[in-house]
PDB file of N, CA and C in Angstrom:
ATOM      1  N   UNK A   1      14.785 -32.303 -12.042  1.00  0.00           N
ATOM      2  CA  UNK A   1      15.741 -33.388 -12.192  1.00  0.00           C
ATOM      3  C   UNK A   1      15.446 -34.135 -13.479  1.00  0.00           C
ATOM      4  N   UNK A   2      16.471 -34.506 -14.167  1.00  0.00           N
ATOM      5  CA  UNK A   2      16.323 -35.141 -15.471  1.00  0.00           C
ATOM      6  C   UNK A   2      15.736 -36.536 -15.376  1.00  0.00           C
ATOM      7  N   UNK A   3      15.923 -37.217 -14.258  1.00  0.00           N
ATOM      8  CA  UNK A   3      15.453 -38.602 -14.141  1.00  0.00           C
ATOM      9  C   UNK A   3      13.980 -38.693 -13.781  1.00  0.00           C
ATOM     10  N   UNK A   4      13.362 -37.609 -13.413  1.00  0.00           N
ATOM     11  CA  UNK A   4      11.965 -37.628 -13.004  1.00  0.00           C
ATOM     12  C   UNK A   4      11.785 -38.038 -11.545  1.00  0.00           C
ATOM     13  N   UNK A   5      12.885 -38.326 -10.865  1.00  0.00           N
ATOM     14  CA  UNK A   5      12.802 -38.711  -9.461  1.00  0.00           C
ATOM     15  C   UNK A   5      12.484 -37.473  -8.622  1.00  0.00           C
ATOM     16  N   UNK A   6      11.797 -37.695  -7.527  1.00  0.00           N
ATOM     17  CA  UNK A   6      11.496 -36.593  -6.613  1.00  0.00           C
ATOM     18  C   UNK A   6      12.338 -36.765  -5.355  1.00  0.00           C
ATOM     19  N   UNK A   7      12.498 -35.666  -4.668  1.00  0.00           N
ATOM     20  CA  UNK A   7      13.225 -35.714  -3.407  1.00  0.00           C
ATOM     21  C   UNK A   7      12.537 -34.782  -2.431  1.00  0.00           C
ATOM     22  N   UNK A   8      12.762 -35.022  -1.183  1.00  0.00           N
ATOM     23  CA  UNK A   8      12.196 -34.193  -0.132  1.00  0.00           C
ATOM     24  C   UNK A   8      13.347 -33.553   0.626  1.00  0.00           C
ATOM     25  N   UNK A   9      13.175 -32.274   0.926  1.00  0.00           N
ATOM     26  CA  UNK A   9      14.185 -31.550   1.679  1.00  0.00           C
ATOM     27  C   UNK A   9      13.506 -30.956   2.903  1.00  0.00           C
ATOM     28  N   UNK A  10      14.084 -31.173   4.052  1.00  0.00           N
ATOM     29  CA  UNK A  10      13.561 -30.611   5.285  1.00  0.00           C
ATOM     30  C   UNK A  10      14.445 -29.456   5.699  1.00  0.00           C
ATOM     31  N   UNK A  11      13.813 -28.304   5.951  1.00  0.00           N
ATOM     32  CA  UNK A  11      14.541 -27.110   6.336  1.00  0.00           C
ATOM     33  C   UNK A  11      14.025 -26.677   7.699  1.00  0.00           C
ATOM     34  N   UNK A  12      14.943 -26.375   8.595  1.00  0.00           N
ATOM     35  CA  UNK A  12      14.582 -25.922   9.923  1.00  0.00           C
ATOM     36  C   UNK A  12      14.923 -24.443  10.059  1.00  0.00           C
ATOM     37  N   UNK A  13      14.138 -23.746  10.811  1.00  0.00           N
ATOM     38  CA  UNK A  13      14.405 -22.343  11.048  1.00  0.00           C
ATOM     39  C   UNK A  13      14.027 -21.971  12.471  1.00  0.00           C
ATOM     40  N   UNK A  14      14.579 -20.893  12.941  1.00  0.00           N
ATOM     41  CA  UNK A  14      14.281 -20.393  14.274  1.00  0.00           C
ATOM     42  C   UNK A  14      13.595 -19.040  14.119  1.00  0.00           C
ATOM     43  N   UNK A  15      12.522 -18.834  14.831  1.00  0.00           N
ATOM     44  CA  UNK A  15      11.810 -17.574  14.748  1.00  0.00           C
ATOM     45  C   UNK A  15      11.315 -17.163  16.128  1.00  0.00           C
ATOM     46  N   UNK A  16      11.139 -15.889  16.311  1.00  0.00           N
ATOM     47  CA  UNK A  16      10.568 -15.386  17.559  1.00  0.00           C
ATOM     48  C   UNK A  16       9.082 -15.064  17.378  1.00  0.00           C
ATOM     49  N   UNK A  17       8.546 -15.393  16.213  1.00  0.00           N
ATOM     50  CA  UNK A  17       7.129 -15.128  15.969  1.00  0.00           C
ATOM     51  C   UNK A  17       6.259 -16.073  16.786  1.00  0.00           C
ATOM     52  N   UNK A  18       5.119 -15.586  17.266  1.00  0.00           N
ATOM     53  CA  UNK A  18       4.201 -16.485  17.974  1.00  0.00           C
ATOM     54  C   UNK A  18       3.567 -17.463  16.978  1.00  0.00           C
ATOM     55  N   UNK A  19       3.049 -18.593  17.469  1.00  0.00           N
ATOM     56  CA  UNK A  19       2.502 -19.620  16.576  1.00  0.00           C
ATOM     57  C   UNK A  19       1.448 -19.093  15.597  1.00  0.00           C
ATOM     58  N   UNK A  20       0.667 -18.108  15.997  1.00  0.00           N
ATOM     59  CA  UNK A  20      -0.357 -17.576  15.099  1.00  0.00           C
ATOM     60  C   UNK A  20       0.229 -16.843  13.899  1.00  0.00           C
ATOM     61  N   UNK A  21       1.450 -16.369  14.029  1.00  0.00           N
ATOM     62  CA  UNK A  21       2.104 -15.656  12.938  1.00  0.00           C
ATOM     63  C   UNK A  21       3.197 -16.485  12.272  1.00  0.00           C
ATOM     64  N   UNK A  22       3.347 -17.712  12.704  1.00  0.00           N
ATOM     65  CA  UNK A  22       4.429 -18.539  12.183  1.00  0.00           C
ATOM     66  C   UNK A  22       3.903 -19.817  11.546  1.00  0.00           C
ATOM     67  N   UNK A  23       2.815 -19.697  10.796  1.00  0.00           N
ATOM     68  CA  UNK A  23       2.327 -20.866  10.065  1.00  0.00           C
ATOM     69  C   UNK A  23       3.306 -21.158   8.933  1.00  0.00           C
ATOM     70  N   UNK A  24       3.314 -22.367   8.425  1.00  0.00           N
ATOM     71  CA  UNK A  24       4.231 -22.667   7.319  1.00  0.00           C
ATOM     72  C   UNK A  24       4.077 -21.699   6.138  1.00  0.00           C
ATOM     73  N   UNK A  25       2.857 -21.345   5.806  1.00  0.00           N
ATOM     74  CA  UNK A  25       2.635 -20.425   4.680  1.00  0.00           C
ATOM     75  C   UNK A  25       3.225 -19.043   4.981  1.00  0.00           C
ATOM     76  N   UNK A  26       3.072 -18.565   6.212  1.00  0.00           N
ATOM     77  CA  UNK A  26       3.603 -17.249   6.574  1.00  0.00           C
ATOM     78  C   UNK A  26       5.134 -17.263   6.612  1.00  0.00           C
ATOM     79  N   UNK A  27       5.707 -18.341   7.115  1.00  0.00           N
ATOM     80  CA  UNK A  27       7.168 -18.444   7.134  1.00  0.00           C
ATOM     81  C   UNK A  27       7.723 -18.502   5.712  1.00  0.00           C
ATOM     82  N   UNK A  28       7.039 -19.240   4.837  1.00  0.00           N
ATOM     83  CA  UNK A  28       7.462 -19.305   3.445  1.00  0.00           C
ATOM     84  C   UNK A  28       7.405 -17.918   2.805  1.00  0.00           C
ATOM     85  N   UNK A  29       6.354 -17.161   3.085  1.00  0.00           N
ATOM     86  CA  UNK A  29       6.230 -15.800   2.542  1.00  0.00           C
ATOM     87  C   UNK A  29       7.366 -14.910   3.043  1.00  0.00           C
ATOM     88  N   UNK A  30       7.727 -15.040   4.320  1.00  0.00           N
ATOM     89  CA  UNK A  30       8.836 -14.246   4.862  1.00  0.00           C
ATOM     90  C   UNK A  30      10.160 -14.594   4.195  1.00  0.00           C
ATOM     91  N   UNK A  31      10.404 -15.876   3.992  1.00  0.00           N
ATOM     92  CA  UNK A  31      11.656 -16.312   3.357  1.00  0.00           C
ATOM     93  C   UNK A  31      11.701 -15.833   1.911  1.00  0.00           C
ATOM     94  N   UNK A  32      10.588 -15.958   1.200  1.00  0.00           N
ATOM     95  CA  UNK A  32      10.562 -15.493  -0.193  1.00  0.00           C
ATOM     96  C   UNK A  32      10.740 -13.984  -0.280  1.00  0.00           C
ATOM     97  N   UNK A  33      10.166 -13.256   0.662  1.00  0.00           N
ATOM     98  CA  UNK A  33      10.344 -11.799   0.677  1.00  0.00           C
ATOM     99  C   UNK A  33      11.811 -11.442   0.890  1.00  0.00           C
ATOM    100  N   UNK A  34      12.480 -12.196   1.770  1.00  0.00           N
ATOM    101  CA  UNK A  34      13.912 -11.961   1.997  1.00  0.00           C
ATOM    102  C   UNK A  34      14.691 -12.154   0.705  1.00  0.00           C
ATOM    103  N   UNK A  35      14.408 -13.232  -0.027  1.00  0.00           N
ATOM    104  CA  UNK A  35      15.154 -13.496  -1.254  1.00  0.00           C
ATOM    105  C   UNK A  35      14.793 -12.503  -2.344  1.00  0.00           C
ATOM    106  N   UNK A  36      13.600 -11.943  -2.312  1.00  0.00           N
ATOM    107  CA  UNK A  36      13.250 -10.896  -3.260  1.00  0.00           C
ATOM    108  C   UNK A  36      14.145  -9.696  -3.043  1.00  0.00           C
ATOM    109  N   UNK A  37      14.341  -9.320  -1.776  1.00  0.00           N
ATOM    110  CA  UNK A  37      15.241  -8.208  -1.463  1.00  0.00           C
ATOM    111  C   UNK A  37      16.655  -8.555  -1.903  1.00  0.00           C
ATOM    112  N   UNK A  38      17.104  -9.751  -1.612  1.00  0.00           N
ATOM    113  CA  UNK A  38      18.452 -10.182  -2.001  1.00  0.00           C
ATOM    114  C   UNK A  38      18.629 -10.083  -3.512  1.00  0.00           C
ATOM    115  N   UNK A  39      17.651 -10.569  -4.248  1.00  0.00           N
ATOM    116  CA  UNK A  39      17.776 -10.578  -5.704  1.00  0.00           C
ATOM    117  C   UNK A  39      17.645  -9.183  -6.304  1.00  0.00           C
ATOM    118  N   UNK A  40      16.812  -8.330  -5.750  1.00  0.00           N
ATOM    119  CA  UNK A  40      16.585  -7.012  -6.336  1.00  0.00           C
ATOM    120  C   UNK A  40      17.638  -5.985  -5.933  1.00  0.00           C
ATOM    121  N   UNK A  41      18.279  -6.158  -4.809  1.00  0.00           N
ATOM    122  CA  UNK A  41      19.232  -5.153  -4.358  1.00  0.00           C
ATOM    123  C   UNK A  41      20.658  -5.689  -4.314  1.00  0.00           C
ATOM    124  N   UNK A  42      20.878  -6.681  -3.514  1.00  0.00           N
ATOM    125  CA  UNK A  42      22.243  -7.154  -3.292  1.00  0.00           C
ATOM    126  C   UNK A  42      22.840  -7.745  -4.560  1.00  0.00           C
ATOM    127  N   UNK A  43      22.045  -8.499  -5.312  1.00  0.00           N
ATOM    128  CA  UNK A  43      22.567  -9.086  -6.542  1.00  0.00           C
ATOM    129  C   UNK A  43      22.945  -7.974  -7.520  1.00  0.00           C
ATOM    130  N   UNK A  44      22.112  -6.950  -7.619  1.00  0.00           N
ATOM    131  CA  UNK A  44      22.403  -5.817  -8.508  1.00  0.00           C
ATOM    132  C   UNK A  44      23.692  -5.135  -8.061  1.00  0.00           C
ATOM    133  N   UNK A  45      23.842  -4.926  -6.756  1.00  0.00           N
ATOM    134  CA  UNK A  45      25.075  -4.294  -6.263  1.00  0.00           C
ATOM    135  C   UNK A  45      26.286  -5.174  -6.555  1.00  0.00           C
ATOM    136  N   UNK A  46      26.146  -6.471  -6.387  1.00  0.00           N
ATOM    137  CA  UNK A  46      27.276  -7.375  -6.621  1.00  0.00           C
ATOM    138  C   UNK A  46      27.641  -7.470  -8.092  1.00  0.00           C
ATOM    139  N   UNK A  47      26.647  -7.597  -8.953  1.00  0.00           N
ATOM    140  CA  UNK A  47      26.920  -7.861 -10.362  1.00  0.00           C
ATOM    141  C   UNK A  47      27.024  -6.576 -11.179  1.00  0.00           C
ATOM    142  N   UNK A  48      26.015  -5.727 -11.120  1.00  0.00           N
ATOM    143  CA  UNK A  48      25.994  -4.526 -11.959  1.00  0.00           C
ATOM    144  C   UNK A  48      27.060  -3.524 -11.533  1.00  0.00           C
ATOM    145  N   UNK A  49      27.204  -3.322 -10.229  1.00  0.00           N
ATOM    146  CA  UNK A  49      28.190  -2.356  -9.733  1.00  0.00           C
ATOM    147  C   UNK A  49      29.531  -3.016  -9.401  1.00  0.00           C
ATOM    148  N   UNK A  50      29.610  -4.346  -9.515  1.00  0.00           N
ATOM    149  CA  UNK A  50      30.845  -5.091  -9.230  1.00  0.00           C
ATOM    150  C   UNK A  50      31.405  -4.705  -7.860  1.00  0.00           C
ATOM    151  N   UNK A  51      30.498  -4.631  -6.896  1.00  0.00           N
ATOM    152  CA  UNK A  51      30.844  -4.127  -5.568  1.00  0.00           C
ATOM    153  C   UNK A  51      31.914  -4.959  -4.862  1.00  0.00           C
ATOM    154  N   UNK A  52      31.923  -6.253  -5.122  1.00  0.00           N
ATOM    155  CA  UNK A  52      32.895  -7.112  -4.434  1.00  0.00           C
ATOM    156  C   UNK A  52      34.342  -6.772  -4.788  1.00  0.00           C
ATOM    157  N   UNK A  53      34.559  -6.168  -5.951  1.00  0.00           N
ATOM    158  CA  UNK A  53      35.923  -5.816  -6.360  1.00  0.00           C
ATOM    159  C   UNK A  53      36.269  -4.358  -6.087  1.00  0.00           C
ATOM    160  N   UNK A  54      35.411  -3.676  -5.360  1.00  0.00           N
ATOM    161  CA  UNK A  54      35.668  -2.271  -5.044  1.00  0.00           C
ATOM    162  C   UNK A  54      36.949  -2.147  -4.230  1.00  0.00           C
ATOM    163  N   UNK A  55      37.732  -1.124  -4.533  1.00  0.00           N
ATOM    164  CA  UNK A  55      38.972  -0.891  -3.797  1.00  0.00           C
ATOM    165  C   UNK A  55      38.811   0.180  -2.731  1.00  0.00           C
ATOM    166  N   UNK A  56      37.571   0.623  -2.528  1.00  0.00           N
ATOM    167  CA  UNK A  56      37.288   1.592  -1.465  1.00  0.00           C
ATOM    168  C   UNK A  56      37.146   0.794  -0.176  1.00  0.00           C
ATOM    169  N   UNK A  57      38.125   0.913   0.710  1.00  0.00           N
ATOM    170  CA  UNK A  57      38.139   0.066   1.912  1.00  0.00           C
ATOM    171  C   UNK A  57      38.433   0.807   3.204  1.00  0.00           C
ATOM    172  N   UNK A  58      38.680   2.094   3.156  1.00  0.00           N
ATOM    173  CA  UNK A  58      39.123   2.800   4.358  1.00  0.00           C
ATOM    174  C   UNK A  58      38.065   3.776   4.844  1.00  0.00           C
ATOM    175  N   UNK A  59      38.039   3.944   6.151  1.00  0.00           N
ATOM    176  CA  UNK A  59      37.150   4.925   6.763  1.00  0.00           C
ATOM    177  C   UNK A  59      35.691   4.652   6.433  1.00  0.00           C
ATOM    178  N   UNK A  60      34.964   5.727   6.173  1.00  0.00           N
ATOM    179  CA  UNK A  60      33.538   5.617   5.875  1.00  0.00           C
ATOM    180  C   UNK A  60      33.292   5.375   4.389  1.00  0.00           C
ATOM    181  N   UNK A  61      34.345   5.296   3.588  1.00  0.00           N
ATOM    182  CA  UNK A  61      34.213   5.130   2.139  1.00  0.00           C
ATOM    183  C   UNK A  61      33.319   3.997   1.699  1.00  0.00           C
ATOM    184  N   UNK A  62      33.509   2.762   2.214  1.00  0.00           N
ATOM    185  CA  UNK A  62      32.661   1.663   1.766  1.00  0.00           C
ATOM    186  C   UNK A  62      31.179   1.899   2.058  1.00  0.00           C
ATOM    187  N   UNK A  63      30.878   2.451   3.231  1.00  0.00           N
ATOM    188  CA  UNK A  63      29.484   2.714   3.585  1.00  0.00           C
ATOM    189  C   UNK A  63      28.895   3.818   2.707  1.00  0.00           C
ATOM    190  N   UNK A  64      29.681   4.841   2.423  1.00  0.00           N
ATOM    191  CA  UNK A  64      29.221   5.932   1.563  1.00  0.00           C
ATOM    192  C   UNK A  64      28.950   5.406   0.162  1.00  0.00           C
ATOM    193  N   UNK A  65      29.858   4.595  -0.377  1.00  0.00           N
ATOM    194  CA  UNK A  65      29.670   4.066  -1.716  1.00  0.00           C
ATOM    195  C   UNK A  65      28.462   3.136  -1.781  1.00  0.00           C
ATOM    196  N   UNK A  66      28.264   2.308  -0.755  1.00  0.00           N
ATOM    197  CA  UNK A  66      27.087   1.431  -0.725  1.00  0.00           C
ATOM    198  C   UNK A  66      25.810   2.263  -0.695  1.00  0.00           C
ATOM    199  N   UNK A  67      25.825   3.356   0.061  1.00  0.00           N
ATOM    200  CA  UNK A  67      24.663   4.237   0.129  1.00  0.00           C
ATOM    201  C   UNK A  67      24.387   4.872  -1.228  1.00  0.00           C
ATOM    202  N   UNK A  68      25.430   5.320  -1.909  1.00  0.00           N
ATOM    203  CA  UNK A  68      25.253   5.914  -3.239  1.00  0.00           C
ATOM    204  C   UNK A  68      24.735   4.886  -4.245  1.00  0.00           C
ATOM    205  N   UNK A  69      25.235   3.669  -4.160  1.00  0.00           N
ATOM    206  CA  UNK A  69      24.742   2.614  -5.061  1.00  0.00           C
ATOM    207  C   UNK A  69      23.271   2.321  -4.779  1.00  0.00           C
ATOM    208  N   UNK A  70      22.919   2.233  -3.501  1.00  0.00           N
ATOM    209  CA  UNK A  70      21.509   1.990  -3.142  1.00  0.00           C
ATOM    210  C   UNK A  70      20.627   3.136  -3.630  1.00  0.00           C
ATOM    211  N   UNK A  71      21.108   4.369  -3.512  1.00  0.00           N
ATOM    212  CA  UNK A  71      20.359   5.524  -3.993  1.00  0.00           C
ATOM    213  C   UNK A  71      20.136   5.436  -5.491  1.00  0.00           C
ATOM    214  N   UNK A  72      21.186   5.105  -6.229  1.00  0.00           N
ATOM    215  CA  UNK A  72      21.065   4.986  -7.685  1.00  0.00           C
ATOM    216  C   UNK A  72      20.046   3.906  -8.056  1.00  0.00           C
ATOM    217  N   UNK A  73      20.125   2.760  -7.407  1.00  0.00           N
ATOM    218  CA  UNK A  73      19.195   1.673  -7.694  1.00  0.00           C
ATOM    219  C   UNK A  73      17.770   2.101  -7.373  1.00  0.00           C
ATOM    220  N   UNK A  74      17.576   2.717  -6.216  1.00  0.00           N
ATOM    221  CA  UNK A  74      16.236   3.147  -5.806  1.00  0.00           C
ATOM    222  C   UNK A  74      15.661   4.184  -6.761  1.00  0.00           C
ATOM    223  N   UNK A  75      16.462   5.161  -7.160  1.00  0.00           N
ATOM    224  CA  UNK A  75      15.983   6.189  -8.085  1.00  0.00           C
ATOM    225  C   UNK A  75      15.595   5.594  -9.428  1.00  0.00           C
ATOM    226  N   UNK A  76      16.402   4.667  -9.915  1.00  0.00           N
ATOM    227  CA  UNK A  76      16.079   4.050 -11.198  1.00  0.00           C
ATOM    228  C   UNK A  76      14.828   3.190 -11.096  1.00  0.00           C
ATOM    229  N   UNK A  77      14.665   2.485  -9.981  1.00  0.00           N
ATOM    230  CA  UNK A  77      13.434   1.687  -9.787  1.00  0.00           C
ATOM    231  C   UNK A  77      12.216   2.600  -9.691  1.00  0.00           C
ATOM    232  N   UNK A  78      12.336   3.710  -8.944  1.00  0.00           N
ATOM    233  CA  UNK A  78      11.222   4.657  -8.836  1.00  0.00           C
ATOM    234  C   UNK A  78      10.882   5.277 -10.193  1.00  0.00           C
ATOM    235  N   UNK A  79      11.886   5.417 -11.046  1.00  0.00           N
ATOM    236  CA  UNK A  79      11.660   5.966 -12.383  1.00  0.00           C
ATOM    237  C   UNK A  79      11.069   4.930 -13.330  1.00  0.00           C
ATOM    238  N   UNK A  80      10.898   3.701 -12.832  1.00  0.00           N
ATOM    239  CA  UNK A  80      10.255   2.658 -13.642  1.00  0.00           C
ATOM    240  C   UNK A  80      11.205   1.737 -14.373  1.00  0.00           C
ATOM    241  N   UNK A  81      12.477   1.772 -14.046  1.00  0.00           N
ATOM    242  CA  UNK A  81      13.447   0.909 -14.727  1.00  0.00           C
ATOM    243  C   UNK A  81      13.275  -0.532 -14.268  1.00  0.00           C
ATOM    244  N   UNK A  82      12.929  -1.437 -15.175  1.00  0.00           N
ATOM    245  CA  UNK A  82      12.802  -2.841 -14.779  1.00  0.00           C
ATOM    246  C   UNK A  82      14.164  -3.522 -14.620  1.00  0.00           C
ATOM    247  N   UNK A  83      15.166  -3.022 -15.347  1.00  0.00           N
ATOM    248  CA  UNK A  83      16.501  -3.594 -15.294  1.00  0.00           C
ATOM    249  C   UNK A  83      17.501  -2.467 -15.055  1.00  0.00           C
ATOM    250  N   UNK A  84      18.344  -2.634 -14.059  1.00  0.00           N
ATOM    251  CA  UNK A  84      19.226  -1.555 -13.615  1.00  0.00           C
ATOM    252  C   UNK A  84      20.391  -1.319 -14.575  1.00  0.00           C
ATOM    253  N   UNK A  85      21.048  -2.365 -15.057  1.00  0.00           N
ATOM    254  CA  UNK A  85      22.231  -2.178 -15.905  1.00  0.00           C
ATOM    255  C   UNK A  85      21.924  -1.339 -17.151  1.00  0.00           C
ATOM    256  N   UNK A  86      20.885  -1.672 -17.928  1.00  0.00           N
ATOM    257  CA  UNK A  86      20.609  -0.832 -19.094  1.00  0.00           C
ATOM    258  C   UNK A  86      20.164   0.576 -18.708  1.00  0.00           C
ATOM    259  N   UNK A  87      19.470   0.714 -17.590  1.00  0.00           N
ATOM    260  CA  UNK A  87      19.042   2.043 -17.140  1.00  0.00           C
ATOM    261  C   UNK A  87      20.243   2.893 -16.751  1.00  0.00           C
ATOM    262  N   UNK A  88      21.256   2.289 -16.135  1.00  0.00           N
ATOM    263  CA  UNK A  88      22.484   3.018 -15.801  1.00  0.00           C
ATOM    264  C   UNK A  88      23.203   3.479 -17.063  1.00  0.00           C
ATOM    265  N   UNK A  89      23.287   2.585 -18.053  1.00  0.00           N
ATOM    266  CA  UNK A  89      23.938   2.958 -19.308  1.00  0.00           C
ATOM    267  C   UNK A  89      23.196   4.110 -19.973  1.00  0.00           C
ATOM    268  N   UNK A  90      21.869   4.023 -19.998  1.00  0.00           N
ATOM    269  CA  UNK A  90      21.077   5.082 -20.619  1.00  0.00           C
ATOM    270  C   UNK A  90      21.264   6.408 -19.886  1.00  0.00           C
ATOM    271  N   UNK A  91      21.255   6.369 -18.553  1.00  0.00           N
ATOM    272  CA  UNK A  91      21.460   7.594 -17.778  1.00  0.00           C
ATOM    273  C   UNK A  91      22.844   8.172 -18.053  1.00  0.00           C
ATOM    274  N   UNK A  92      23.845   7.326 -18.231  1.00  0.00           N
ATOM    275  CA  UNK A  92      25.187   7.792 -18.548  1.00  0.00           C
ATOM    276  C   UNK A  92      25.256   8.440 -19.920  1.00  0.00           C
ATOM    277  N   UNK A  93      24.527   7.889 -20.872  1.00  0.00           N
ATOM    278  CA  UNK A  93      24.528   8.450 -22.225  1.00  0.00           C
ATOM    279  C   UNK A  93      23.815   9.791 -22.270  1.00  0.00           C
ATOM    280  N   UNK A  94      22.806   9.960 -21.435  1.00  0.00           N
ATOM    281  CA  UNK A  94      22.000  11.176 -21.489  1.00  0.00           C
ATOM    282  C   UNK A  94      22.611  12.333 -20.712  1.00  0.00           C
ATOM    283  N   UNK A  95      23.659  12.090 -19.969  1.00  0.00           N
ATOM    284  CA  UNK A  95      24.329  13.160 -19.249  1.00  0.00           C
ATOM    285  C   UNK A  95      23.761  13.394 -17.861  1.00  0.00           C
ATOM    286  N   UNK A  96      24.317  14.404 -17.194  1.00  0.00           N
ATOM    287  CA  UNK A  96      23.972  14.662 -15.795  1.00  0.00           C
ATOM    288  C   UNK A  96      22.538  15.149 -15.616  1.00  0.00           C
ATOM    289  N   UNK A  97      21.903  15.671 -16.646  1.00  0.00           N
ATOM    290  CA  UNK A  97      20.526  16.154 -16.516  1.00  0.00           C
ATOM    291  C   UNK A  97      19.561  15.058 -16.095  1.00  0.00           C
ATOM    292  N   UNK A  98      19.807  13.839 -16.554  1.00  0.00           N
ATOM    293  CA  UNK A  98      18.949  12.713 -16.189  1.00  0.00           C
ATOM    294  C   UNK A  98      19.009  12.456 -14.692  1.00  0.00           C
ATOM    295  N   UNK A  99      20.186  12.498 -14.141  1.00  0.00           N
ATOM    296  CA  UNK A  99      20.355  12.236 -12.711  1.00  0.00           C
ATOM    297  C   UNK A  99      19.640  13.309 -11.893  1.00  0.00           C
ATOM    298  N   UNK A 100      19.820  14.570 -12.269  1.00  0.00           N
ATOM    299  CA  UNK A 100      19.146  15.638 -11.544  1.00  0.00           C
ATOM    300  C   UNK A 100      17.628  15.500 -11.645  1.00  0.00           C
ATOM    301  N   UNK A 101      17.140  15.117 -12.813  1.00  0.00           N
ATOM    302  CA  UNK A 101      15.700  14.943 -12.988  1.00  0.00           C
ATOM    303  C   UNK A 101      15.181  13.826 -12.070  1.00  0.00           C
ATOM    304  N   UNK A 102      15.919  12.728 -11.964  1.00  0.00           N
ATOM    305  CA  UNK A 102      15.510  11.634 -11.077  1.00  0.00           C
ATOM    306  C   UNK A 102      15.492  12.079  -9.618  1.00  0.00           C
ATOM    307  N   UNK A 103      16.369  13.012  -9.273  1.00  0.00           N
ATOM    308  CA  UNK A 103      16.408  13.536  -7.909  1.00  0.00           C
ATOM    309  C   UNK A 103      15.352  14.611  -7.673  1.00  0.00           C
ATOM    310  N   UNK A 104      14.654  15.018  -8.735  1.00  0.00           N
ATOM    311  CA  UNK A 104      13.635  16.053  -8.602  1.00  0.00           C
ATOM    312  C   UNK A 104      14.199  17.455  -8.650  1.00  0.00           C
ATOM    313  N   UNK A 105      15.412  17.599  -9.162  1.00  0.00           N
ATOM    314  CA  UNK A 105      16.062  18.901  -9.262  1.00  0.00           C
ATOM    315  C   UNK A 105      15.883  19.426 -10.679  1.00  0.00           C
ATOM    316  N   UNK A 106      15.296  20.601 -10.795  1.00  0.00           N
ATOM    317  CA  UNK A 106      15.088  21.223 -12.108  1.00  0.00           C
ATOM    318  C   UNK A 106      16.234  22.167 -12.370  1.00  0.00           C
ATOM    319  N   UNK A 107      16.950  21.910 -13.433  1.00  0.00           N
ATOM    320  CA  UNK A 107      18.066  22.765 -13.807  1.00  0.00           C
ATOM    321  C   UNK A 107      17.577  23.892 -14.710  1.00  0.00           C
ATOM    322  N   UNK A 108      18.120  25.097 -14.549  1.00  0.00           N
ATOM    323  CA  UNK A 108      17.735  26.177 -15.463  1.00  0.00           C
ATOM    324  C   UNK A 108      18.254  25.885 -16.863  1.00  0.00           C
ATOM    325  N   UNK A 109      17.539  26.336 -17.891  1.00  0.00           N
ATOM    326  CA  UNK A 109      18.032  26.094 -19.245  1.00  0.00           C
ATOM    327  C   UNK A 109      19.364  26.816 -19.464  1.00  0.00           C
ATOM    328  N   UNK A 110      20.233  26.168 -20.199  1.00  0.00           N
ATOM    329  CA  UNK A 110      21.523  26.799 -20.461  1.00  0.00           C
ATOM    330  C   UNK A 110      21.370  27.815 -21.592  1.00  0.00           C
ATOM    331  N   UNK A 111      22.049  28.910 -21.449  1.00  0.00           N
ATOM    332  CA  UNK A 111      22.002  29.950 -22.476  1.00  0.00           C
ATOM    333  C   UNK A 111      23.051  29.657 -23.531  1.00  0.00           C
ATOM    334  N   UNK A 112      22.694  29.953 -24.748  1.00  0.00           N
ATOM    335  CA  UNK A 112      23.665  29.767 -25.833  1.00  0.00           C
ATOM    336  C   UNK A 112      24.807  30.740 -25.636  1.00  0.00           C
ATOM    337  N   UNK A 113      26.012  30.257 -25.776  1.00  0.00           N
ATOM    338  CA  UNK A 113      27.201  31.100 -25.588  1.00  0.00           C
ATOM    339  C   UNK A 113      27.819  31.417 -26.937  1.00  0.00           C
ATOM    340  N   UNK A 114      28.206  32.645 -27.100  1.00  0.00           N
ATOM    341  CA  UNK A 114      28.831  33.056 -28.347  1.00  0.00           C
ATOM    342  C   UNK A 114      30.323  32.942 -28.282  1.00  0.00           C
TER     343      UNK A 114
END
């Protein structure tokens, strides 16, 4: 806050954890872990893949597309990509071989055609 004033916020939550597992520090860790997942996955799906504007709405299509997006994000993270958007662009520039390599699929070398 610009004025230097402090404020206190009280937050209530409901949990089924027993008291030994529900100390304030443990509850804070659980909440932060939840937001880590939200920021690393859902935010990427919303912003990078523009999922909210998807026109796939019928049958199993939305679930299939969400699964494919999650797969792409997971593969890029496993490949060491710290940021998904630039990694997607790079994979697109490098062609389909990059995707197969991330999946662990080795493609045979292409023969020169005359």
